[in-house]
Amino acid sequence: MKAVILSAGQGRRLLPLTANRPKCLIELGGRSLLEWQLWCLAEAGIEEVVIVVGYGAEQVEAVLQARTPPGLSVRTLYNPFYEVADNLASCWMARSELRGECLILNGDTLIEPAIARRLLGPVTRPITVTIDRKPSYDADDMKIESFGDRLCAIGKQLSATTVNGESIGFLRFSAEGALRFVGELERIMRTPEGLKFWYLSVIDRIARASGDVGVLSIEGLGWGEMDFLEDVASNEALVADWLQPSMQRIASSARAVASGR
């Protein structure tokens, strides 16, 4: 199972934090957001990750060279259109990587390993969108309409009366699902407006046309988005809960080495 992380953007809504670095390198608890993502995927058993980079690509690659988790194979793909296109172009740059079973993770989505483990469990449809639920949704949420475990629609402009969840920006594709996604992606990128689309617009088209997109709830598990300056504090609090188990494992390993085990 391969994971593709979409990390090409600067994150202008996070200025001044992103004046000289991409938002995937904003630090939380002593690690960058990207490092937390790689840690999560490695903890869940993923062994191969492809990162689509753009703004600050050299900085991202320097961090990867120094801090990639052991046992994880990581490569980068450069998206030269990051200034003029939305994340559909990043998926287009990575389309040759989207073969067989694979995952897509937004570069601004922070998730705990249990979310990845849940998504790697049994699923019933070619494409699976992880979702959370809350009492109300704001204009910036990537809202969804679902019926049972079937995704009916996804987008920011859905009617408040029919919305019953939000996408957290983490998807799984079967080999069939990846093939369908890439096919629709290439059709949209041939249109004049293709560069302005989010990749979840493609998922919306597939869901409305076929009903072959499923939803998987991660309610109760820890995740966050890095969109606005106020998100930094909440994400700092989120990773603080993850640091303690990590530190306990490190201490346990150190004790085992010291005792010769």
Foldseek 3Di string as FASTA:
>chain_A
DEEEEEQAAQQVQAPPVSVQHRQQQDDFPRGGVVLLVQVLCVVLPHAEYEYEYHRRVVVVVVCCVVRRDPRHHYYYFYQPCRVPFACLSSCLSCLVVLAAKYKYAYSFKRFHNVVVNQQPDDDDFQKEFEWEFDPFDDQPFFFFAADDFWTQATGSPDDRVRTGTGTRGMMIGGNVRSVQLNVLSVVLCVDPCSRHDDSVVSVRVCCNVPRRYTYDYPYPGDMFGDNHNVRSVVVSVRCVVVVVVVVVVVVVVVVCVVVPD
